[in-house]
């Protein structure tokens, strides 16, 4: 209604993601660090962020991931095959599912469009019932072609503190 009346100067409310709303009541979240380029402008070597990326992994998620990825290897979805034929204790998650869950922590931290490199090594199988916590640690800050880059070490552990994934990533940030 206000737009039709010519009002263009509005207060915007948002969850900071600006979910595609172009008009209407949105209050924009402005944090003090936004003045210097956003939260990543304040990072320093040694900073760490952790996030539970899955709690009590369900077999359903394994089947859904098999469908989405096209990886129908029965060790991930068929209990009888996994235990009696392949000799595993039970079915287990696709490594790329674990990588994807960990990647969500990274993109929540640095922003989807800012992640420039992400690579991992799978160090232990992930089973139904596992809870995974991913941690990124800032290992360095550098400038590359005029962009500020943050280097990260990435580790994901299960509920027993056992490492299931280890890797590294890099992301652009607004200030160095």
Protein backbone atom coordinates (compact mmCIF):
# COMPACT_ATOMS: atom_id res chain seq x y z
CA UNK A 1 0.00 0.00 0.00
CA UNK A 2 2.79 2.40 0.89
CA UNK A 3 4.61 1.73 -2.38
CA UNK A 4 1.49 2.65 -4.33
CA UNK A 5 1.43 5.92 -2.36
CA UNK A 6 5.00 6.65 -3.45
CA UNK A 7 6.71 5.78 -0.17
CA UNK A 8 10.13 4.33 -0.93
CA UNK A 9 11.98 4.98 2.32
CA UNK A 10 11.05 2.04 4.57
CA UNK A 11 12.46 0.21 7.53
CA UNK A 12 13.25 -3.37 6.58
CA UNK A 13 13.04 -6.40 8.92
CA UNK A 14 15.04 -9.45 7.97
CA UNK A 15 16.63 -12.60 9.29
CA UNK A 16 19.71 -11.16 7.53
CA UNK A 17 19.12 -13.36 4.49
CA UNK A 18 16.70 -10.95 2.75
CA UNK A 19 14.55 -13.82 1.55
CA UNK A 20 13.59 -12.23 -1.76
CA UNK A 21 11.18 -9.71 -0.30
CA UNK A 22 11.36 -6.52 -2.31
CA UNK A 23 8.67 -4.55 -0.50
CA UNK A 24 6.96 -4.80 2.84
CA UNK A 25 7.81 -4.69 6.47
CA UNK A 26 11.36 -5.88 6.92
CA UNK A 27 13.78 -4.68 9.57
CA UNK A 28 17.35 -5.04 8.40
CA UNK A 29 19.70 -6.51 10.96
CA UNK A 30 22.76 -4.29 11.13
CA UNK A 31 25.63 -5.48 13.27
CA UNK A 32 28.49 -3.25 14.47
CA UNK A 33 30.99 -5.22 12.38
CA UNK A 34 29.06 -4.42 9.19
CA UNK A 35 30.84 -1.04 9.19
CA UNK A 36 34.15 -2.78 8.45
CA UNK A 37 32.86 -5.38 6.02
CA UNK A 38 30.77 -7.90 7.92
CA UNK A 39 31.55 -10.68 10.40
CA UNK A 40 34.41 -12.10 8.34
CA UNK A 41 36.18 -8.74 8.51
CA UNK A 42 36.85 -9.46 12.16
CA UNK A 43 38.36 -12.92 11.76
CA UNK A 44 41.86 -13.67 12.92
CA UNK A 45 44.10 -16.72 12.83
CA UNK A 46 42.97 -19.22 15.44
CA UNK A 47 39.29 -18.25 15.36
CA UNK A 48 37.02 -21.29 15.43
CA UNK A 49 33.38 -21.98 14.67
CA UNK A 50 31.54 -25.25 15.38
CA UNK A 51 28.09 -26.45 14.42
CA UNK A 52 26.14 -29.67 14.89
CA UNK A 53 25.43 -30.57 11.25
CA UNK A 54 23.28 -33.64 11.90
CA UNK A 55 21.83 -35.03 15.08
CA UNK A 56 20.91 -38.73 15.18
CA UNK A 57 21.50 -39.47 11.48
CA UNK A 58 18.52 -41.42 10.14
CA UNK A 59 18.57 -44.24 7.59
CA UNK A 60 15.97 -42.26 5.69
CA UNK A 61 18.57 -39.56 5.03
CA UNK A 62 20.91 -42.20 3.56
CA UNK A 63 18.20 -43.40 1.19
CA UNK A 64 17.27 -39.82 0.25
CA UNK A 65 20.91 -38.99 -0.44
CA UNK A 66 21.29 -42.14 -2.58
CA UNK A 67 18.35 -40.96 -4.67
CA UNK A 68 19.59 -37.42 -5.06
CA UNK A 69 23.20 -38.38 -5.77
CA UNK A 70 22.48 -41.41 -7.94
CA UNK A 71 24.86 -43.47 -5.77
CA UNK A 72 22.86 -46.64 -5.12
CA UNK A 73 25.71 -48.70 -3.71
CA UNK A 74 23.82 -51.09 -1.39
CA UNK A 75 26.34 -50.71 1.46
CA UNK A 76 24.59 -47.38 2.14
CA UNK A 77 20.97 -48.53 2.12
CA UNK A 78 20.61 -52.33 2.27
CA UNK A 79 21.20 -53.73 5.75
CA UNK A 80 21.39 -57.37 4.62
CA UNK A 81 23.87 -56.58 1.86
CA UNK A 82 25.98 -54.32 4.10
CA UNK A 83 26.22 -56.87 6.93
CA UNK A 84 26.07 -60.33 5.32
CA UNK A 85 27.70 -59.70 1.95
CA UNK A 86 30.06 -56.78 2.52
CA UNK A 87 30.86 -57.56 6.17
CA UNK A 88 30.14 -54.14 7.68
CA UNK A 89 28.42 -53.75 11.07
CA UNK A 90 25.51 -51.91 9.38
CA UNK A 91 24.83 -49.51 6.52
CA UNK A 92 26.84 -46.30 6.55
CA UNK A 93 26.62 -42.79 5.12
CA UNK A 94 28.01 -41.76 1.75
CA UNK A 95 31.23 -39.81 2.26
CA UNK A 96 29.86 -37.03 0.09
CA UNK A 97 26.84 -36.72 2.39
CA UNK A 98 29.21 -36.06 5.28
CA UNK A 99 31.10 -33.56 3.10
CA UNK A 100 27.86 -31.84 2.15
CA UNK A 101 26.69 -31.58 5.75
CA UNK A 102 30.07 -30.12 6.72
CA UNK A 103 29.93 -27.76 3.75
CA UNK A 104 26.67 -26.34 5.06
CA UNK A 105 28.51 -25.22 8.21
CA UNK A 106 31.10 -23.52 6.01
CA UNK A 107 28.57 -21.70 3.84
CA UNK A 108 26.59 -20.64 6.91
CA UNK A 109 29.84 -19.10 8.19
CA UNK A 110 31.30 -17.53 5.04
CA UNK A 111 28.27 -17.25 2.75
CA UNK A 112 27.43 -19.46 -0.22
CA UNK A 113 29.01 -17.20 -2.81
CA UNK A 114 32.24 -16.68 -0.88
CA UNK A 115 33.52 -20.26 -0.60
CA UNK A 116 36.31 -20.58 -3.19
CA UNK A 117 37.87 -23.93 -2.30
CA UNK A 118 36.78 -26.93 -0.26
CA UNK A 119 38.43 -30.35 -0.12
CA UNK A 120 38.29 -33.19 2.40
CA UNK A 121 39.49 -36.67 3.27
CA UNK A 122 37.08 -39.16 4.86
CA UNK A 123 38.72 -40.67 7.95
CA UNK A 124 35.99 -42.84 9.49
CA UNK A 125 32.60 -44.19 8.50
CA UNK A 126 29.43 -42.43 9.64
CA UNK A 127 26.60 -44.68 10.82
CA UNK A 128 22.87 -44.24 11.44
CA UNK A 129 22.39 -42.69 14.87
CA UNK A 130 25.58 -40.63 14.69
CA UNK A 131 25.58 -36.97 15.61
CA UNK A 132 28.16 -34.94 13.70
CA UNK A 133 29.78 -31.67 14.73
CA UNK A 134 31.80 -29.72 12.17
CA UNK A 135 34.48 -27.21 13.15
CA UNK A 136 36.33 -24.69 10.99
CA UNK A 137 39.50 -23.05 12.31
CA UNK A 138 41.03 -19.99 10.67
CA UNK A 139 44.62 -20.85 9.73
CA UNK A 140 45.50 -17.75 7.76
CA UNK A 141 44.42 -14.57 6.05
CA UNK A 142 45.85 -13.37 2.76
CA UNK A 143 45.17 -11.13 -0.18
CA UNK A 144 44.82 -12.57 -3.68
CA UNK A 145 44.10 -10.44 -6.76
CA UNK A 146 42.70 -7.68 -4.53
CA UNK A 147 40.39 -10.05 -2.62
CA UNK A 148 40.79 -10.89 1.05
CA UNK A 149 40.94 -14.67 1.54
CA UNK A 150 40.49 -16.61 4.77
CA UNK A 151 42.09 -20.09 4.95
CA UNK A 152 40.33 -22.69 7.08
CA UNK A 153 41.06 -26.14 8.46
CA UNK A 154 37.90 -28.23 8.69
CA UNK A 155 37.22 -31.22 10.94
CA UNK A 156 34.00 -33.13 11.57
CA UNK A 157 33.66 -35.50 14.54
CA UNK A 158 30.98 -37.90 15.70
CA UNK A 159 29.32 -37.96 19.12
CA UNK A 160 32.32 -39.88 20.52
CA UNK A 161 34.76 -37.21 19.39
CA UNK A 162 36.11 -39.49 16.64
CA UNK A 163 37.20 -37.64 13.50
CA UNK A 164 35.15 -38.66 10.46
CA UNK A 165 36.29 -35.96 8.01
CA UNK A 166 39.30 -33.68 7.74
CA UNK A 167 39.98 -31.02 5.15
CA UNK A 168 40.54 -27.41 4.27
CA UNK A 169 38.70 -24.54 2.65
CA UNK A 170 39.20 -20.98 1.52
CA UNK A 171 36.73 -18.13 1.27
CA UNK A 172 36.60 -14.50 0.21
CA UNK A 173 35.90 -12.02 2.97
CA UNK A 174 35.11 -8.33 2.88
CA UNK A 175 38.20 -7.06 4.70
CA UNK A 176 41.53 -8.47 5.78
